[in-house]
Amino acid sequence: MKTKNRAEEIFAEALKTAMSTEDSYSRKRVLKDIACEMAKARFYSKALKASSLIESRWWRGWAVKDIVSEMAKAGLFNEALKAAEKIEDAWFRTVAFKDIAGEMAKAGLDVEKVFEKALNSIERIEDAGYKAGARRTVAREMAKAGLFRKALETARSIEDPWWRDWAFKDIVGELAKAGVFDKALKVADGISDEKYRAEALKSIASGMARAGLIDKALKIADMIGDQRRRAEALKDIASRMAGN
């Protein structure tokens, strides 16, 4: 207890010192880092209070997003959701909801409403690139949670083909991990980007090998146009056959 109290005192001193930093960038950066470190030490309410000292909406959003992630890891889902709602920056709010949903999914909880909050936040992102990247990130987390239909729907809503193919590649990887190979192949077939298509097929081949479907895995490996990724797929297949 004494050690924890002492740590709390030193965090307070760190904040006081950070606030006296004259350079604006350095002050915002170090305040964000301190707040995040406080959250890792489970001083959640004090971490949120510390984040309010950051004058930049962007840096403050980053700090609260990281704090929310730590709260979610600790199973404090309601508290994390309340904190995430207050994040002003739409990008960081989206990522915060995505992180909460991911941790809730690990705990076996219903996460569809939380993902809806993430999708709603995406609509508030003005930059097209950030918006596409946010959709890809959320789609990947949906796939990790086993929400494949919703993940594909989110991926298809991405206008930029490069980001869309990246999202499909991520979803294929999760489908392969789940052993849903027919669906994974169908999604991979729709990927235009050669690199992402190769990575998707490699994921399927490796997944099939893990499932003991060696002949099918070899056929998929033959479909990979990229030499490096074909070699990686063959390596995974051979390793599985050798009993590794």
Protein backbone atom coordinates (compact mmCIF):
# COMPACT_ATOMS: atom_id res chain seq x y z
CA MET A 1 0.00 0.00 0.00
CA LYS A 2 2.84 2.36 0.88
CA THR A 3 4.48 1.67 -2.48
CA LYS A 4 1.23 2.45 -4.31
CA ASN A 5 0.76 5.68 -2.38
CA ARG A 6 4.34 6.67 -3.12
CA ALA A 7 3.81 5.93 -6.81
CA GLU A 8 0.73 8.13 -6.75
CA GLU A 9 2.74 10.97 -5.23
CA ILE A 10 5.47 10.64 -7.85
CA PHE A 11 2.90 10.63 -10.66
CA ALA A 12 1.54 13.89 -9.21
CA GLU A 13 5.04 15.34 -9.20
CA ALA A 14 5.53 14.19 -12.80
CA LEU A 15 2.34 15.98 -13.83
CA LYS A 16 3.38 19.16 -12.05
CA THR A 17 6.76 19.05 -13.77
CA ALA A 18 5.18 18.36 -17.15
CA MET A 19 2.83 21.33 -16.80
CA SER A 20 5.83 23.61 -16.33
CA THR A 21 7.35 22.48 -19.65
CA GLU A 22 7.49 25.54 -21.91
CA ASP A 23 7.59 23.77 -25.29
CA SER A 24 3.98 23.08 -26.31
CA TYR A 25 4.68 19.84 -28.20
CA SER A 26 6.82 18.40 -25.41
CA ARG A 27 4.25 19.36 -22.78
CA LYS A 28 1.38 17.66 -24.63
CA ARG A 29 3.44 14.58 -25.39
CA VAL A 30 4.71 14.06 -21.85
CA LEU A 31 1.28 14.69 -20.30
CA LYS A 32 -0.18 12.05 -22.62
CA ASP A 33 2.56 9.59 -21.68
CA ILE A 34 2.09 10.20 -17.95
CA ALA A 35 -1.68 9.77 -18.16
CA CYS A 36 -1.27 6.49 -20.06
CA GLU A 37 1.31 5.21 -17.59
CA MET A 38 -1.07 6.05 -14.73
CA ALA A 39 -3.75 3.95 -16.42
CA LYS A 40 -1.33 1.03 -16.76
CA ALA A 41 -0.75 1.35 -13.01
CA ARG A 42 -4.57 1.17 -12.59
CA PHE A 43 -4.99 4.77 -11.43
CA TYR A 44 -7.83 5.13 -13.92
CA SER A 45 -9.76 8.09 -12.51
CA LYS A 46 -6.57 10.03 -11.89
CA ALA A 47 -5.36 9.17 -15.39
CA LEU A 48 -8.55 10.59 -16.89
CA LYS A 49 -8.17 13.69 -14.74
CA ALA A 50 -4.57 14.03 -15.92
CA SER A 51 -5.66 13.76 -19.55
CA SER A 52 -7.91 16.79 -19.05
CA LEU A 53 -4.78 18.88 -18.51
CA ILE A 54 -3.81 18.38 -22.16
CA GLU A 55 -4.85 21.46 -24.13
CA SER A 56 -4.79 19.76 -27.54
CA ARG A 57 -7.96 17.87 -28.50
CA TRP A 58 -5.90 15.43 -30.60
CA TRP A 59 -3.36 14.60 -27.89
CA ARG A 60 -6.11 14.47 -25.27
CA GLY A 61 -8.07 12.06 -27.44
CA TRP A 62 -4.99 9.86 -27.84
CA ALA A 63 -4.50 9.79 -24.07
CA VAL A 64 -8.11 8.92 -23.27
CA LYS A 65 -8.13 6.26 -26.00
CA ASP A 66 -5.15 4.56 -24.35
CA ILE A 67 -6.69 4.90 -20.89
CA VAL A 68 -9.95 3.40 -22.15
CA SER A 69 -8.01 0.47 -23.62
CA GLU A 70 -6.40 -0.24 -20.24
CA MET A 71 -9.77 -0.02 -18.50
CA ALA A 72 -11.26 -2.48 -20.98
CA LYS A 73 -8.37 -4.90 -20.45
CA ALA A 74 -9.18 -4.78 -16.74
CA GLY A 75 -12.83 -5.62 -17.47
CA LEU A 76 -14.14 -2.16 -16.55
CA PHE A 77 -16.36 -2.05 -19.61
CA ASN A 78 -19.05 0.36 -18.42
CA GLU A 79 -16.47 2.85 -17.18
CA ALA A 80 -14.51 2.48 -20.42
CA LEU A 81 -17.60 3.12 -22.53
CA LYS A 82 -18.47 6.26 -20.57
CA ALA A 83 -14.94 7.60 -21.01
CA ALA A 84 -14.90 6.74 -24.72
CA GLU A 85 -18.13 8.66 -25.30
CA LYS A 86 -16.37 11.84 -24.15
CA ILE A 87 -13.48 11.61 -26.64
CA GLU A 88 -13.85 14.59 -28.95
CA ASP A 89 -11.62 13.36 -31.77
CA ALA A 90 -13.65 10.98 -33.95
CA TRP A 91 -10.66 8.82 -34.97
CA PHE A 92 -9.58 8.14 -31.39
CA ARG A 93 -13.20 7.65 -30.30
CA THR A 94 -13.61 5.02 -33.02
CA VAL A 95 -10.45 3.19 -31.95
CA ALA A 96 -11.51 3.35 -28.30
CA PHE A 97 -14.86 1.69 -29.04
CA LYS A 98 -13.08 -0.86 -31.24
CA ASP A 99 -10.68 -1.73 -28.40
CA ILE A 100 -13.53 -2.05 -25.89
CA ALA A 101 -15.45 -4.33 -28.26
CA GLY A 102 -12.36 -6.49 -28.73
CA GLU A 103 -11.89 -6.99 -24.99
CA MET A 104 -15.61 -7.60 -24.45
CA ALA A 105 -15.57 -10.24 -27.19
CA LYS A 106 -12.71 -12.02 -25.41
CA ALA A 107 -14.91 -12.09 -22.31
CA GLY A 108 -17.74 -13.66 -24.32
CA LEU A 109 -20.00 -10.60 -24.16
CA ASP A 110 -22.31 -9.21 -26.83
CA VAL A 111 -20.39 -6.53 -28.72
CA GLU A 112 -22.59 -5.56 -31.66
CA LYS A 113 -23.88 -2.37 -30.01
CA VAL A 114 -20.33 -1.28 -29.20
CA PHE A 115 -19.26 -1.84 -32.79
CA GLU A 116 -22.23 0.28 -33.85
CA LYS A 117 -20.84 3.08 -31.70
CA ALA A 118 -17.51 2.67 -33.49
CA LEU A 119 -19.19 2.82 -36.91
CA ASN A 120 -21.15 5.91 -35.89
CA SER A 121 -17.94 7.60 -34.81
CA ILE A 122 -16.36 6.83 -38.18
CA GLU A 123 -19.01 8.95 -39.87
CA ARG A 124 -17.66 11.95 -37.98
CA ILE A 125 -14.12 11.51 -39.36
CA GLU A 126 -13.56 14.16 -42.03
CA ASP A 127 -10.34 12.93 -43.66
CA ALA A 128 -11.08 10.27 -46.30
CA GLY A 129 -7.89 8.32 -45.62
CA TYR A 130 -8.44 8.22 -41.87
CA LYS A 131 -12.06 7.22 -42.43
CA ALA A 132 -11.06 4.32 -44.69
CA GLY A 133 -8.37 3.24 -42.25
CA ALA A 134 -10.84 3.34 -39.37
CA ARG A 135 -13.31 1.16 -41.26
CA ARG A 136 -10.56 -1.36 -42.01
CA THR A 137 -9.52 -1.47 -38.35
CA VAL A 138 -13.09 -1.94 -37.14
CA ALA A 139 -13.79 -4.60 -39.79
CA ARG A 140 -10.72 -6.55 -38.66
CA GLU A 141 -11.82 -6.42 -35.01
CA MET A 142 -15.32 -7.55 -36.01
CA ALA A 143 -13.80 -10.54 -37.79
CA LYS A 144 -11.68 -11.35 -34.72
CA ALA A 145 -14.91 -11.36 -32.71
CA GLY A 146 -16.45 -13.81 -35.19
CA LEU A 147 -18.84 -11.24 -36.67
CA PHE A 148 -17.85 -12.11 -40.22
CA ARG A 149 -21.00 -10.91 -41.96
CA LYS A 150 -20.78 -7.51 -40.28
CA ALA A 151 -17.04 -7.36 -40.94
CA LEU A 152 -17.54 -7.98 -44.66
CA GLU A 153 -20.34 -5.44 -44.79
CA THR A 154 -18.06 -2.85 -43.18
CA ALA A 155 -15.19 -3.71 -45.53
CA ARG A 156 -17.42 -3.35 -48.58
CA SER A 157 -18.39 0.14 -47.45
CA ILE A 158 -14.78 1.31 -47.88
CA GLU A 159 -14.60 3.36 -51.07
CA ASP A 160 -10.83 3.28 -51.55
CA PRO A 161 -9.89 -0.06 -53.23
CA TRP A 162 -6.49 -0.30 -51.53
CA TRP A 163 -7.95 0.04 -48.02
CA ARG A 164 -10.86 -2.24 -48.97
CA ASP A 165 -8.53 -5.00 -50.16
CA TRP A 166 -6.49 -4.64 -46.96
CA ALA A 167 -9.68 -5.11 -44.95
CA PHE A 168 -10.66 -8.18 -46.98
CA LYS A 169 -7.18 -9.63 -46.48
CA ASP A 170 -7.53 -9.23 -42.70
CA ILE A 171 -10.97 -10.84 -42.72
CA VAL A 172 -9.69 -13.78 -44.78
CA GLY A 173 -7.01 -14.32 -42.15
CA GLU A 174 -9.62 -14.53 -39.39
CA LEU A 175 -11.89 -16.78 -41.46
CA ALA A 176 -8.94 -19.11 -42.04
CA LYS A 177 -8.16 -19.19 -38.31
CA ALA A 178 -11.78 -20.15 -37.70
CA GLY A 179 -11.59 -22.91 -40.32
CA VAL A 180 -14.17 -21.28 -42.59
CA PHE A 181 -12.11 -21.98 -45.69
CA ASP A 182 -14.79 -21.88 -48.40
CA LYS A 183 -15.85 -18.39 -47.36
CA ALA A 184 -12.23 -17.31 -46.99
CA LEU A 185 -11.49 -18.42 -50.56
CA LYS A 186 -14.52 -16.60 -51.88
CA VAL A 187 -13.44 -13.36 -50.19
CA ALA A 188 -9.83 -13.78 -51.30
CA ASP A 189 -11.00 -14.23 -54.88
CA GLY A 190 -12.44 -10.72 -54.78
CA ILE A 191 -9.17 -9.05 -53.73
CA SER A 192 -7.66 -7.07 -56.62
CA ASP A 193 -4.38 -6.03 -54.99
CA GLU A 194 -1.83 -8.75 -55.80
CA LYS A 195 0.09 -8.43 -52.53
CA TYR A 196 -3.02 -8.59 -50.34
CA ARG A 197 -4.44 -11.44 -52.41
CA ALA A 198 -1.19 -13.38 -51.96
CA GLU A 199 -1.24 -12.75 -48.20
CA ALA A 200 -4.87 -13.85 -48.03
CA LEU A 201 -4.16 -17.09 -49.89
CA LYS A 202 -1.13 -17.71 -47.69
CA SER A 203 -3.37 -17.39 -44.61
CA ILE A 204 -5.78 -19.94 -46.08
CA ALA A 205 -3.02 -22.39 -47.01
CA SER A 206 -1.46 -22.11 -43.56
CA GLY A 207 -4.86 -22.52 -41.89
CA MET A 208 -5.61 -25.61 -43.95
CA ALA A 209 -2.24 -27.07 -43.03
CA ARG A 210 -2.97 -26.50 -39.33
CA ALA A 211 -6.29 -28.30 -39.84
CA GLY A 212 -4.48 -31.25 -41.42
CA LEU A 213 -5.80 -30.53 -44.94
CA ILE A 214 -2.38 -30.86 -46.53
CA ASP A 215 -3.43 -31.61 -50.12
CA LYS A 216 -5.85 -28.69 -50.19
CA ALA A 217 -3.23 -26.44 -48.61
CA LEU A 218 -0.73 -27.33 -51.35
CA LYS A 219 -3.30 -26.52 -54.04
CA ILE A 220 -3.89 -23.10 -52.49
CA ALA A 221 -0.14 -22.50 -52.22
CA ASP A 222 0.15 -23.14 -55.98
CA MET A 223 -2.35 -20.31 -56.53
CA ILE A 224 -0.11 -17.75 -54.82
CA GLY A 225 1.58 -15.57 -57.42
CA ASP A 226 3.99 -13.85 -55.04
CA GLN A 227 7.10 -16.03 -54.67
CA ARG A 228 7.93 -14.96 -51.13
CA ARG A 229 4.44 -15.60 -49.81
CA ARG A 230 4.21 -18.91 -51.65
CA ALA A 231 7.48 -19.92 -50.03
CA GLU A 232 6.11 -18.91 -46.62
CA ALA A 233 2.96 -20.95 -47.22
CA LEU A 234 4.99 -23.99 -48.29
CA LYS A 235 7.18 -23.56 -45.23
CA ASP A 236 4.10 -23.61 -42.97
CA ILE A 237 2.75 -26.69 -44.74
CA ALA A 238 6.05 -28.56 -44.50
CA SER A 239 6.41 -27.60 -40.84
CA ARG A 240 2.95 -28.98 -40.10
CA MET A 241 3.71 -32.20 -41.97
CA ALA A 242 6.90 -32.59 -39.95
CA GLY A 243 4.86 -32.37 -36.77
CA ASN A 244 5.99 -28.93 -35.65
